[in-house]
Amino acid sequence: MTGGAARRVWGLVALLLLLTLAASLLAIRAAGAPSLMLAVQGVAGVAAAASIFIVSRVSTARSAAVMGVGLAAFAATALFGVTMDGATRWIGFGPLLVHTASIGFPFVVWAFALRPATLLTAALCAGIAAVLAIQPDGGAAVAFALATAVRLAAYRGRLDMAAAAVAIVAAAWAWTRPDSLPAVSYVEEVVFAAFMAAPPVGLFAGLMLALLPAPFVFLGLKQNVAPALTLGGLWAGFVLASVFGNYPAPVIGYGASPLLGWGFSLGLAMAHVGAGLRRPAA
């Protein structure tokens, strides 16, 4: 990608971030979020913008090391994290709750998509899928499963297919388990609640929610890059989980963790713009 084309892509990413943050702030306000939550969401949006430029400097990593850290973080969350209504999905830092999957998944699936699976990385993938099912976190499990399934477009070895199969089975199990967390209008039901309060805002929020995976698909197809496509699968999974289940609407609904995770994902995808990293042959 030429320098001019790369600058245009950066400009489109910046515009998309601004529109998405605007949709989020308008939607959660229309859905009844208090002013303090608007401020938190705005600060998270600024942090997400900064993270894109910081994370985009990362070009490669050791897949097993990143996945191992991710598995340890998810397991620690399941064992020692904050539990609400039977679900343990968060790590508490004082009054701040961090959804570990939203923050950690971008790095995990990106690292897994850098190269074909080995026995170690396939086992780590299975371990992560199992932890998500045990928590349970059906939304995150579906997102992870879809990411591993999209990854098969680049890698079709036996270990790659086995890892995806385990993730899909774990997600199906997690999805069938009841989620006792009550829905909140400005988190899980934000698009519907915003539409009922102000139809134009609801339509705008719904459009930007649907477009969350778009930049990753665009970058992945334009440069034939597996990590970007895999990240697109991850965010498509988060979106689908929010549409068909009682799970937060990522980025658009209130929550700093998904917004930061989306910024991390954009940075990781942009790391390969102009770098000439091609999708490996199957």
Protein backbone atom coordinates (compact mmCIF):
# COMPACT_ATOMS: atom_id res chain seq x y z
CA MET A 1 0.00 0.00 0.00
CA THR A 2 1.40 3.39 -0.99
CA GLY A 3 1.92 6.20 1.49
CA GLY A 4 -1.06 8.13 0.12
CA ALA A 5 -3.33 5.09 0.32
CA ALA A 6 -2.18 4.37 3.87
CA ARG A 7 -3.00 7.94 4.89
CA ARG A 8 -6.47 7.60 3.38
CA VAL A 9 -7.03 4.39 5.34
CA TRP A 10 -5.93 6.12 8.54
CA GLY A 11 -8.35 8.94 7.77
CA LEU A 12 -11.21 6.49 7.28
CA VAL A 13 -10.37 4.75 10.56
CA ALA A 14 -10.38 8.10 12.39
CA LEU A 15 -13.74 9.03 10.84
CA LEU A 16 -15.22 5.65 11.74
CA LEU A 17 -14.02 6.00 15.34
CA LEU A 18 -15.57 9.46 15.65
CA LEU A 19 -18.90 8.32 14.19
CA THR A 20 -18.97 5.22 16.38
CA LEU A 21 -18.21 7.16 19.55
CA ALA A 22 -20.87 9.74 18.65
CA ALA A 23 -23.40 6.95 18.08
CA SER A 24 -22.50 5.40 21.42
CA LEU A 25 -22.83 8.64 23.39
CA LEU A 26 -26.13 9.54 21.74
CA ALA A 27 -27.54 6.05 22.19
CA ILE A 28 -26.65 5.54 25.83
CA ARG A 29 -27.96 9.01 26.65
CA ALA A 30 -31.23 8.28 24.83
CA ALA A 31 -31.42 4.93 26.65
CA GLY A 32 -31.21 6.65 30.03
CA ALA A 33 -27.55 6.54 31.06
CA PRO A 34 -26.56 9.19 33.64
CA SER A 35 -24.10 11.96 32.84
CA LEU A 36 -21.23 10.27 34.69
CA MET A 37 -21.46 7.26 32.38
CA LEU A 38 -21.38 9.56 29.37
CA ALA A 39 -18.15 11.05 30.71
CA VAL A 40 -16.65 7.59 31.28
CA GLN A 41 -17.59 6.52 27.77
CA GLY A 42 -16.09 9.68 26.32
CA VAL A 43 -12.81 9.19 28.18
CA ALA A 44 -12.72 5.57 27.03
CA GLY A 45 -13.21 6.77 23.46
CA VAL A 46 -10.22 9.09 23.73
CA ALA A 47 -8.15 6.24 25.21
CA ALA A 48 -9.27 3.95 22.38
CA ALA A 49 -8.16 6.52 19.80
CA ALA A 50 -4.74 6.79 21.43
CA SER A 51 -4.43 3.00 21.64
CA ILE A 52 -4.89 2.65 17.88
CA PHE A 53 -1.70 4.60 17.20
CA ILE A 54 0.23 2.94 20.03
CA VAL A 55 -0.76 -0.64 19.23
CA SER A 56 -0.28 -0.16 15.47
CA ARG A 57 3.47 -0.15 16.09
CA VAL A 58 3.29 -3.84 16.98
CA SER A 59 3.90 -5.98 13.89
CA THR A 60 4.42 -9.49 15.19
CA ALA A 61 4.59 -11.56 18.38
CA ARG A 62 5.11 -15.07 19.68
CA SER A 63 1.69 -16.67 19.30
CA ALA A 64 2.07 -19.15 22.17
CA ALA A 65 3.33 -16.49 24.59
CA VAL A 66 0.45 -14.10 23.90
CA MET A 67 -2.13 -16.89 24.02
CA GLY A 68 -0.62 -18.23 27.24
CA VAL A 69 -0.92 -14.84 28.93
CA GLY A 70 -4.49 -14.61 27.67
CA LEU A 71 -5.40 -18.02 29.03
CA ALA A 72 -3.86 -17.14 32.42
CA ALA A 73 -5.82 -13.86 32.53
CA PHE A 74 -9.11 -15.54 31.61
CA ALA A 75 -8.55 -18.35 34.12
CA ALA A 76 -7.66 -15.86 36.86
CA THR A 77 -10.86 -13.98 36.08
CA ALA A 78 -12.95 -17.16 36.34
CA LEU A 79 -11.30 -18.12 39.64
CA PHE A 80 -10.81 -14.79 41.39
CA GLY A 81 -12.82 -12.25 39.43
CA VAL A 82 -15.93 -10.30 40.29
CA THR A 83 -19.14 -12.36 40.21
CA MET A 84 -22.50 -10.84 39.37
CA ASP A 85 -25.66 -12.96 39.29
CA GLY A 86 -23.69 -16.16 38.82
CA ALA A 87 -21.35 -14.93 36.07
CA THR A 88 -17.66 -14.19 36.71
CA ARG A 89 -16.37 -12.17 33.79
CA TRP A 90 -14.66 -9.16 35.32
CA ILE A 91 -11.53 -8.16 37.20
CA GLY A 92 -12.02 -5.36 39.71
CA PHE A 93 -9.60 -2.45 40.10
CA GLY A 94 -11.21 -0.46 42.87
CA PRO A 95 -14.51 0.84 41.52
CA LEU A 96 -13.49 -0.05 37.95
CA LEU A 97 -14.62 -3.38 36.47
CA VAL A 98 -12.68 -4.67 33.46
CA HIS A 99 -14.26 -7.24 31.15
CA THR A 100 -11.20 -9.40 30.54
CA ALA A 101 -12.40 -10.94 27.29
CA SER A 102 -13.03 -7.57 25.63
CA ILE A 103 -9.53 -6.36 26.52
CA GLY A 104 -7.60 -9.58 25.99
CA PHE A 105 -9.26 -11.20 23.00
CA PRO A 106 -7.95 -8.80 20.34
CA PHE A 107 -4.37 -9.72 21.21
CA VAL A 108 -5.13 -13.44 21.56
CA VAL A 109 -6.93 -13.93 18.25
CA TRP A 110 -4.49 -11.64 16.43
CA ALA A 111 -1.51 -13.64 17.70
CA PHE A 112 -3.25 -16.95 16.87
CA ALA A 113 -3.84 -15.72 13.30
CA LEU A 114 -0.21 -14.77 12.65
CA ARG A 115 0.80 -18.31 11.73
CA PRO A 116 -0.56 -21.89 11.45
CA ALA A 117 -1.48 -23.66 14.67
CA THR A 118 1.00 -25.81 16.53
CA LEU A 119 0.11 -28.44 19.11
CA LEU A 120 0.81 -25.87 21.84
CA THR A 121 -1.27 -23.03 20.37
CA ALA A 122 -4.13 -25.41 19.52
CA ALA A 123 -4.12 -26.61 23.15
CA LEU A 124 -4.09 -23.00 24.39
CA CYS A 125 -7.02 -22.22 22.10
CA ALA A 126 -8.95 -25.16 23.56
CA GLY A 127 -8.11 -24.02 27.09
CA ILE A 128 -9.39 -20.50 26.43
CA ALA A 129 -12.61 -21.85 24.90
CA ALA A 130 -13.13 -24.11 27.93
CA VAL A 131 -12.66 -21.25 30.41
CA LEU A 132 -15.22 -19.13 28.56
CA ALA A 133 -17.74 -21.95 28.66
CA ILE A 134 -17.16 -22.58 32.35
CA GLN A 135 -17.51 -18.92 33.42
CA PRO A 136 -19.99 -18.87 31.54
CA ASP A 137 -19.60 -16.07 29.00
CA GLY A 138 -21.65 -17.09 26.01
CA GLY A 139 -21.13 -13.79 24.17
CA ALA A 140 -17.34 -13.96 24.39
CA ALA A 141 -17.39 -17.68 23.60
CA VAL A 142 -19.35 -17.06 20.40
CA ALA A 143 -16.98 -14.23 19.41
CA PHE A 144 -13.93 -16.43 19.97
CA ALA A 145 -15.49 -19.34 18.07
CA LEU A 146 -16.34 -17.16 15.08
CA ALA A 147 -12.83 -15.71 15.07
CA THR A 148 -11.29 -19.19 14.99
CA ALA A 149 -13.72 -20.22 12.24
CA VAL A 150 -12.83 -17.19 10.09
CA ARG A 151 -9.16 -17.99 10.66
CA LEU A 152 -9.69 -21.23 8.73
CA ALA A 153 -9.82 -19.15 5.54
CA ALA A 154 -6.05 -18.79 5.92
CA TYR A 155 -4.99 -21.97 7.73
CA ARG A 156 -6.61 -25.33 7.02
CA GLY A 157 -4.31 -27.74 8.79
CA ARG A 158 -5.66 -30.44 11.07
CA LEU A 159 -4.68 -28.60 14.22
CA ASP A 160 -6.32 -25.41 12.94
CA MET A 161 -9.56 -27.25 12.23
CA ALA A 162 -9.42 -29.06 15.57
CA ALA A 163 -8.93 -25.78 17.45
CA ALA A 164 -11.89 -24.19 15.66
CA ALA A 165 -14.06 -27.24 16.33
CA VAL A 166 -13.32 -27.15 20.06
CA ALA A 167 -14.07 -23.42 20.21
CA ILE A 168 -17.38 -23.92 18.39
CA VAL A 169 -18.45 -26.79 20.66
CA ALA A 170 -17.51 -24.78 23.77
CA ALA A 171 -19.48 -21.78 22.48
CA ALA A 172 -22.53 -23.95 21.81
CA TRP A 173 -22.35 -25.29 25.38
CA ALA A 174 -21.92 -21.79 26.84
CA TRP A 175 -24.82 -20.50 24.76
CA THR A 176 -27.20 -23.17 26.07
CA ARG A 177 -26.45 -22.28 29.69
CA PRO A 178 -28.84 -19.68 31.15
CA ASP A 179 -27.50 -16.17 31.64
CA SER A 180 -29.01 -14.75 34.82
CA LEU A 181 -27.61 -11.25 34.40
CA PRO A 182 -30.49 -8.77 33.94
CA ALA A 183 -30.45 -6.67 30.80
CA VAL A 184 -29.69 -2.96 31.21
CA SER A 185 -31.26 -0.52 28.76
CA TYR A 186 -28.06 1.41 27.99
CA VAL A 187 -25.82 -1.70 27.86
CA GLU A 188 -27.53 -4.78 26.40
CA GLU A 189 -30.66 -3.21 24.91
CA VAL A 190 -29.16 0.13 23.94
CA VAL A 191 -30.14 0.12 20.24
CA PHE A 192 -33.76 -0.82 20.93
CA ALA A 193 -34.04 1.57 23.88
CA ALA A 194 -32.49 4.41 21.87
CA PHE A 195 -34.84 3.74 18.96
CA MET A 196 -37.87 3.83 21.24
CA ALA A 197 -36.69 7.15 22.70
CA ALA A 198 -35.46 8.74 19.46
CA PRO A 199 -35.78 6.68 16.22
CA PRO A 200 -33.00 8.52 14.30
CA VAL A 201 -30.56 7.88 17.16
CA GLY A 202 -31.56 4.22 17.31
CA LEU A 203 -31.07 3.81 13.56
CA PHE A 204 -27.69 5.54 13.73
CA ALA A 205 -26.62 3.34 16.65
CA GLY A 206 -27.80 0.18 14.89
CA LEU A 207 -25.88 1.11 11.74
CA MET A 208 -22.64 1.76 13.60
CA LEU A 209 -23.08 -1.47 15.60
CA ALA A 210 -23.40 -3.42 12.34
CA LEU A 211 -20.28 -1.69 10.96
CA LEU A 212 -17.98 -2.64 13.86
CA PRO A 213 -16.42 -5.60 11.96
CA ALA A 214 -16.24 -3.64 8.66
CA PRO A 215 -12.75 -2.08 8.95
CA PHE A 216 -11.18 -5.46 9.71
CA VAL A 217 -12.89 -7.11 6.75
CA PHE A 218 -11.85 -4.21 4.51
CA LEU A 219 -8.21 -4.33 5.62
CA GLY A 220 -8.07 -8.11 5.52
CA LEU A 221 -9.45 -8.37 1.99
CA LYS A 222 -7.51 -5.38 0.67
CA GLN A 223 -4.14 -6.70 1.80
CA ASN A 224 -4.95 -10.40 2.12
CA VAL A 225 -4.02 -10.35 5.81
CA ALA A 226 -5.27 -13.14 8.06
CA PRO A 227 -5.06 -11.32 11.43
CA ALA A 228 -7.35 -8.51 10.28
CA LEU A 229 -9.96 -10.95 8.96
CA THR A 230 -9.80 -12.92 12.20
CA LEU A 231 -10.37 -9.74 14.21
CA GLY A 232 -13.36 -9.06 11.97
CA GLY A 233 -14.75 -12.45 12.92
CA LEU A 234 -14.23 -11.64 16.60
CA TRP A 235 -16.23 -8.42 16.47
CA ALA A 236 -18.88 -9.93 14.24
CA GLY A 237 -19.29 -12.55 16.96
CA PHE A 238 -19.66 -9.93 19.69
CA VAL A 239 -22.27 -8.12 17.58
CA LEU A 240 -24.24 -11.30 16.80
CA ALA A 241 -24.21 -12.32 20.47
CA SER A 242 -25.71 -8.96 21.42
CA VAL A 243 -28.41 -9.26 18.76
CA PHE A 244 -29.51 -12.82 19.50
CA GLY A 245 -28.69 -13.07 23.21
CA ASN A 246 -28.74 -11.12 26.43
CA TYR A 247 -25.20 -9.77 25.99
CA PRO A 248 -23.84 -6.20 25.86
CA ALA A 249 -23.95 -4.34 22.58
CA PRO A 250 -20.20 -3.95 22.04
CA VAL A 251 -18.77 -0.42 21.78
CA ILE A 252 -22.19 1.16 21.18
CA GLY A 253 -23.54 0.14 24.60
CA TYR A 254 -22.05 1.58 27.77
CA GLY A 255 -18.76 -0.02 28.78
CA ALA A 256 -15.15 1.12 28.60
CA SER A 257 -13.70 -2.38 28.08
CA PRO A 258 -15.33 -3.13 24.69
CA LEU A 259 -14.48 0.35 23.43
CA LEU A 260 -10.84 -0.06 24.42
CA GLY A 261 -10.79 -3.58 22.98
CA TRP A 262 -12.11 -2.29 19.66
CA GLY A 263 -9.37 0.36 19.66
CA PHE A 264 -6.74 -2.31 20.34
CA SER A 265 -8.16 -4.37 17.49
CA LEU A 266 -8.01 -1.44 15.06
CA GLY A 267 -4.41 -0.79 16.07
CA LEU A 268 -3.44 -4.43 15.51
CA ALA A 269 -5.14 -4.46 12.12
CA MET A 270 -3.51 -1.17 11.11
CA ALA A 271 -0.09 -2.54 12.07
CA HIS A 272 -0.03 -4.34 8.76
CA VAL A 273 -1.10 -1.44 6.55
CA GLY A 274 1.70 -0.94 4.09
CA ALA A 275 3.81 -3.63 5.75
CA GLY A 276 3.29 -6.14 2.97
CA LEU A 277 2.32 -8.96 5.31
CA ARG A 278 0.48 -11.48 3.16
CA ARG A 279 -1.87 -14.22 4.18
CA PRO A 280 0.08 -17.50 4.27
CA ALA A 281 -0.92 -20.25 1.92
CA ALA A 282 -3.01 -23.07 3.34
